[in-house]
Amino acid sequence: MAKLNVSIDDRLRDELFKLVPPRRRSQVVNEALENELRRRKRKHATETVHHLRKRSATLSEKEIVEAVRRDRTRVER
């Protein structure tokens, strides 16, 4: 495990020290950071998908069915 020096708001520090026992503070900060990083990764992935959808062609149901049938025919040969 690595040590990291960061600055936090006084209010957050006070709440952390008030609500979390001394030997559990690193774990609480670690879990909070994991949750925030996971949230940011999801947001980035969602933005990427939305961007790709804007650039992609929209197909009708008929076009999709025809493409699937063509692919099935190719595989069966």
C-alpha atoms as a PDB file:
ATOM      1  CA  MET A   1       0.000   0.000   0.000  1.00  0.00           C
ATOM      2  CA  ALA A   2       1.269   3.484  -0.876  1.00  0.00           C
ATOM      3  CA  LYS A   3       1.094   6.643   1.171  1.00  0.00           C
ATOM      4  CA  LEU A   4      -0.285   9.760  -0.460  1.00  0.00           C
ATOM      5  CA  ASN A   5      -0.433  13.309   0.843  1.00  0.00           C
ATOM      6  CA  VAL A   6      -3.576  15.180  -0.210  1.00  0.00           C
ATOM      7  CA  SER A   7      -5.404  18.269   1.004  1.00  0.00           C
ATOM      8  CA  ILE A   8      -9.069  18.149   2.003  1.00  0.00           C
ATOM      9  CA  ASP A   9     -11.509  20.738   3.289  1.00  0.00           C
ATOM     10  CA  ASP A  10     -11.411  21.339   7.033  1.00  0.00           C
ATOM     11  CA  ARG A  11     -15.088  20.440   7.252  1.00  0.00           C
ATOM     12  CA  LEU A  12     -14.480  17.029   5.647  1.00  0.00           C
ATOM     13  CA  ARG A  13     -11.526  16.371   7.915  1.00  0.00           C
ATOM     14  CA  ASP A  14     -13.606  17.231  10.979  1.00  0.00           C
ATOM     15  CA  GLU A  15     -16.419  14.916   9.888  1.00  0.00           C
ATOM     16  CA  LEU A  16     -13.994  12.123   9.081  1.00  0.00           C
ATOM     17  CA  PHE A  17     -12.338  12.379  12.491  1.00  0.00           C
ATOM     18  CA  LYS A  18     -15.708  12.628  14.243  1.00  0.00           C
ATOM     19  CA  LEU A  19     -17.447   9.740  12.479  1.00  0.00           C
ATOM     20  CA  VAL A  20     -14.676   7.271  11.650  1.00  0.00           C
ATOM     21  CA  PRO A  21     -12.395   5.542  14.166  1.00  0.00           C
ATOM     22  CA  PRO A  22      -8.652   6.176  13.704  1.00  0.00           C
ATOM     23  CA  ARG A  23      -7.772   2.748  12.301  1.00  0.00           C
ATOM     24  CA  ARG A  24     -10.582   2.855   9.720  1.00  0.00           C
ATOM     25  CA  ARG A  25      -9.995   6.289   8.133  1.00  0.00           C
ATOM     26  CA  SER A  26      -7.699   5.097   5.353  1.00  0.00           C
ATOM     27  CA  GLN A  27     -10.202   2.416   4.403  1.00  0.00           C
ATOM     28  CA  VAL A  28     -13.055   4.940   4.280  1.00  0.00           C
ATOM     29  CA  VAL A  29     -11.030   7.347   2.123  1.00  0.00           C
ATOM     30  CA  ASN A  30      -9.922   4.449  -0.104  1.00  0.00           C
ATOM     31  CA  GLU A  31     -13.541   3.294  -0.610  1.00  0.00           C
ATOM     32  CA  ALA A  32     -14.708   6.835  -1.340  1.00  0.00           C
ATOM     33  CA  LEU A  33     -11.958   7.258  -3.933  1.00  0.00           C
ATOM     34  CA  GLU A  34     -12.779   3.897  -5.538  1.00  0.00           C
ATOM     35  CA  ASN A  35     -16.442   4.890  -5.805  1.00  0.00           C
ATOM     36  CA  GLU A  36     -15.600   8.266  -7.350  1.00  0.00           C
ATOM     37  CA  LEU A  37     -13.184   6.736  -9.861  1.00  0.00           C
ATOM     38  CA  ARG A  38     -15.779   4.104 -10.826  1.00  0.00           C
ATOM     39  CA  ARG A  39     -18.371   6.865 -11.303  1.00  0.00           C
ATOM     40  CA  ARG A  40     -15.995   8.857 -13.513  1.00  0.00           C
ATOM     41  CA  LYS A  41     -15.136   5.783 -15.620  1.00  0.00           C
ATOM     42  CA  ARG A  42     -18.848   5.087 -16.164  1.00  0.00           C
ATOM     43  CA  LYS A  43     -19.443   8.708 -17.135  1.00  0.00           C
ATOM     44  CA  HIS A  44     -16.566   8.603 -19.605  1.00  0.00           C
ATOM     45  CA  ALA A  45     -17.822   5.334 -21.112  1.00  0.00           C
ATOM     46  CA  THR A  46     -21.344   6.747 -21.439  1.00  0.00           C
ATOM     47  CA  GLU A  47     -20.054   9.888 -23.155  1.00  0.00           C
ATOM     48  CA  THR A  48     -17.998   7.752 -25.544  1.00  0.00           C
ATOM     49  CA  VAL A  49     -21.030   5.638 -26.465  1.00  0.00           C
ATOM     50  CA  HIS A  50     -23.176   8.746 -27.027  1.00  0.00           C
ATOM     51  CA  HIS A  51     -20.451  10.225 -29.235  1.00  0.00           C
ATOM     52  CA  LEU A  52     -20.202   7.010 -31.273  1.00  0.00           C
ATOM     53  CA  ARG A  53     -23.981   6.825 -31.655  1.00  0.00           C
ATOM     54  CA  LYS A  54     -24.053  10.325 -33.129  1.00  0.00           C
ATOM     55  CA  ARG A  55     -21.460   9.310 -35.738  1.00  0.00           C
ATOM     56  CA  SER A  56     -23.038   5.941 -36.591  1.00  0.00           C
ATOM     57  CA  ALA A  57     -25.606   5.364 -39.295  1.00  0.00           C
ATOM     58  CA  THR A  58     -29.140   4.603 -38.211  1.00  0.00           C
ATOM     59  CA  LEU A  59     -30.543   1.442 -39.791  1.00  0.00           C
ATOM     60  CA  SER A  60     -34.171   0.555 -40.282  1.00  0.00           C
ATOM     61  CA  GLU A  61     -35.575  -2.728 -39.017  1.00  0.00           C
ATOM     62  CA  LYS A  62     -35.701  -3.996 -42.613  1.00  0.00           C
ATOM     63  CA  GLU A  63     -32.010  -3.180 -43.173  1.00  0.00           C
ATOM     64  CA  ILE A  64     -31.043  -4.964 -39.952  1.00  0.00           C
ATOM     65  CA  VAL A  65     -33.037  -8.098 -40.881  1.00  0.00           C
ATOM     66  CA  GLU A  66     -31.474  -8.145 -44.366  1.00  0.00           C
ATOM     67  CA  ALA A  67     -27.961  -7.797 -42.943  1.00  0.00           C
ATOM     68  CA  VAL A  68     -28.533 -10.621 -40.448  1.00  0.00           C
ATOM     69  CA  ARG A  69     -29.886 -12.873 -43.208  1.00  0.00           C
ATOM     70  CA  ARG A  70     -26.857 -12.121 -45.410  1.00  0.00           C
ATOM     71  CA  ASP A  71     -24.515 -12.949 -42.520  1.00  0.00           C
ATOM     72  CA  ARG A  72     -26.345 -16.206 -41.794  1.00  0.00           C
ATOM     73  CA  THR A  73     -26.153 -17.208 -45.444  1.00  0.00           C
ATOM     74  CA  ARG A  74     -22.404 -16.521 -45.476  1.00  0.00           C
ATOM     75  CA  VAL A  75     -21.856 -18.620 -42.357  1.00  0.00           C
ATOM     76  CA  GLU A  76     -23.927 -21.539 -43.671  1.00  0.00           C
ATOM     77  CA  ARG A  77     -21.883 -21.852 -46.880  1.00  0.00           C
END
